[in-house]
Amino acid sequence: DHRDLHSFPTRRSSDLRGMYFAFTVWSASILVFVVTGSLEGAILTLLIMGLADGFATPFCNNYFLTLNASQQAGEKRAVSYFELAGKAGDTLGPIIFAFALSFGQTRGVAWLGGACLGFVLLLYGVDRWCNRRTRDREATP
């Protein structure tokens, strides 16, 4: 049953941990291309990206649907917004990658990989800060 395969990763980890793991692997995969600089490296990078993206999907869906804004909008509308953002990323990704390549195969892509990893760290930090503020507010009588 496909639902068992889809739910397996989410039974083994929290949504946030799974998301951050997949985002980090996806971002780090760009560095594989930087290190190899070859067609084989590009193919390996795309394979790793695909696996990380597929792994991240159930975690992202679960996390996104638990957000207050998603619950207020309703599940169908929230999923539509999530899919729209994903399609925008699918469209902009090759454009951003081509722009990075214009700065040089190694240097431009290295900057892109570093920026992606930096964004993951920023997202993680903001998430932890927001969670801490929420816990502090709930703990204060």
Protein backbone atom coordinates (compact mmCIF):
# COMPACT_ATOMS: atom_id res chain seq x y z
CA ASP A 1 0.00 0.00 0.00
CA HIS A 2 1.46 3.38 -1.02
CA ARG A 3 0.24 5.05 2.16
CA ASP A 4 2.57 2.85 4.20
CA LEU A 5 5.56 4.00 2.15
CA HIS A 6 4.44 7.61 2.43
CA SER A 7 3.87 7.49 6.18
CA PHE A 8 7.00 5.49 7.09
CA PRO A 9 9.35 8.50 7.36
CA THR A 10 6.82 10.49 9.39
CA ARG A 11 6.41 7.65 11.91
CA ARG A 12 10.16 7.62 12.50
CA SER A 13 10.80 11.34 13.07
CA SER A 14 9.10 14.60 13.87
CA ASP A 15 7.93 16.76 10.97
CA LEU A 16 10.47 19.50 11.68
CA ARG A 17 13.42 17.14 12.05
CA GLY A 18 12.52 15.41 8.82
CA MET A 19 12.11 18.70 7.01
CA TYR A 20 15.41 20.11 8.19
CA PHE A 21 17.22 16.87 7.42
CA ALA A 22 15.81 16.75 3.88
CA PHE A 23 16.46 20.47 3.28
CA THR A 24 20.05 20.09 4.48
CA VAL A 25 20.67 17.04 2.29
CA TRP A 26 19.11 18.83 -0.70
CA SER A 27 21.26 21.92 -0.15
CA ALA A 28 24.41 19.91 0.44
CA SER A 29 23.80 17.96 -2.76
CA ILE A 30 24.58 21.12 -4.70
CA LEU A 31 28.07 20.95 -3.26
CA VAL A 32 28.51 17.50 -4.87
CA PHE A 33 28.34 19.26 -8.22
CA VAL A 34 30.76 21.93 -7.02
CA VAL A 35 33.31 19.33 -5.93
CA THR A 36 33.05 17.13 -9.02
CA GLY A 37 32.28 19.73 -11.69
CA SER A 38 31.38 16.92 -14.08
CA LEU A 39 28.35 15.49 -15.84
CA GLU A 40 28.42 12.52 -13.47
CA GLY A 41 28.45 14.92 -10.52
CA ALA A 42 25.48 16.80 -11.97
CA ILE A 43 23.54 13.54 -12.37
CA LEU A 44 24.42 12.46 -8.81
CA THR A 45 23.37 15.90 -7.54
CA LEU A 46 20.00 15.61 -9.28
CA LEU A 47 19.46 12.11 -7.89
CA ILE A 48 20.22 13.27 -4.34
CA MET A 49 17.97 16.32 -4.80
CA GLY A 50 15.13 14.12 -6.03
CA LEU A 51 15.45 11.72 -3.11
CA ALA A 52 15.63 14.58 -0.60
CA ASP A 53 12.63 16.29 -2.19
CA GLY A 54 10.59 13.09 -2.11
CA PHE A 55 11.62 12.44 1.48
CA ALA A 56 10.68 15.98 2.52
CA THR A 57 7.19 15.98 1.01
CA PRO A 58 5.29 14.14 3.78
CA PHE A 59 7.06 16.16 6.48
CA CYS A 60 6.35 19.47 4.74
CA ASN A 61 2.71 18.57 4.13
CA ASN A 62 2.17 17.57 7.76
CA TYR A 63 3.94 20.64 9.12
CA PHE A 64 2.23 23.05 6.76
CA LEU A 65 -1.23 21.70 7.58
CA THR A 66 -0.65 22.14 11.33
CA LEU A 67 0.09 25.86 11.03
CA ASN A 68 -2.60 28.20 12.38
CA ALA A 69 -2.90 30.02 9.06
CA SER A 70 -3.47 26.71 7.25
CA GLN A 71 -6.13 25.66 9.72
CA GLN A 72 -7.90 29.02 9.38
CA ALA A 73 -7.84 28.83 5.58
CA GLY A 74 -9.08 25.26 5.52
CA GLU A 75 -7.25 22.16 4.35
CA LYS A 76 -8.14 22.39 0.65
CA ARG A 77 -7.16 26.03 0.32
CA ALA A 78 -3.99 25.52 2.37
CA VAL A 79 -2.91 22.60 0.18
CA SER A 80 -3.59 24.75 -2.90
CA TYR A 81 -1.30 27.48 -1.53
CA PHE A 82 1.36 24.90 -0.69
CA GLU A 83 1.19 23.44 -4.21
CA LEU A 84 1.33 26.93 -5.75
CA ALA A 85 4.48 27.74 -3.77
CA GLY A 86 5.99 24.41 -4.86
CA LYS A 87 5.23 25.10 -8.52
CA ALA A 88 6.76 28.57 -8.19
CA GLY A 89 9.90 26.93 -6.80
CA ASP A 90 9.93 24.41 -9.65
CA THR A 91 9.72 27.29 -12.12
CA LEU A 92 12.24 29.60 -10.48
CA GLY A 93 14.78 26.88 -9.59
CA PRO A 94 16.28 26.47 -13.07
CA ILE A 95 16.35 30.24 -13.55
CA ILE A 96 18.23 30.74 -10.28
CA PHE A 97 20.60 27.87 -11.11
CA ALA A 98 21.33 29.36 -14.56
CA PHE A 99 21.98 32.72 -12.91
CA ALA A 100 24.41 31.06 -10.48
CA LEU A 101 26.18 29.36 -13.39
CA SER A 102 26.72 32.78 -14.99
CA PHE A 103 29.18 33.50 -12.16
CA GLY A 104 31.16 30.39 -13.01
CA GLN A 105 30.52 26.70 -12.82
CA THR A 106 32.26 26.21 -9.51
CA ARG A 107 32.08 29.58 -7.82
CA GLY A 108 28.49 30.44 -8.75
CA VAL A 109 27.10 27.05 -7.80
CA ALA A 110 29.12 27.06 -4.57
CA TRP A 111 27.52 30.38 -3.66
CA LEU A 112 24.10 28.92 -4.45
CA GLY A 113 24.75 25.85 -2.28
CA GLY A 114 26.04 28.04 0.54
CA ALA A 115 23.01 30.32 0.25
CA CYS A 116 20.68 27.32 0.42
CA LEU A 117 22.42 25.94 3.49
CA GLY A 118 22.36 29.42 5.04
CA PHE A 119 18.64 29.66 4.36
CA VAL A 120 18.07 26.30 6.09
CA LEU A 121 20.00 27.57 9.13
CA LEU A 122 18.04 30.83 9.10
CA LEU A 123 14.74 28.96 8.88
CA TYR A 124 15.81 26.69 11.73
CA GLY A 125 16.84 29.67 13.88
CA VAL A 126 13.64 31.61 13.23
CA ASP A 127 11.55 28.52 13.96
CA ARG A 128 13.34 27.91 17.26
CA TRP A 129 12.99 31.59 18.21
CA CYS A 130 9.24 31.56 17.45
CA ASN A 131 8.74 28.33 19.40
CA ARG A 132 10.62 29.74 22.37
CA ARG A 133 8.49 32.90 22.34
CA THR A 134 5.31 30.81 22.19
CA ARG A 135 6.44 28.60 25.09
CA ASP A 136 7.40 31.66 27.15
CA ARG A 137 4.02 33.27 26.49
CA GLU A 138 2.16 30.10 27.46
CA ALA A 139 4.26 29.69 30.63
CA THR A 140 3.62 33.26 31.79
CA PRO A 141 0.41 33.44 33.90
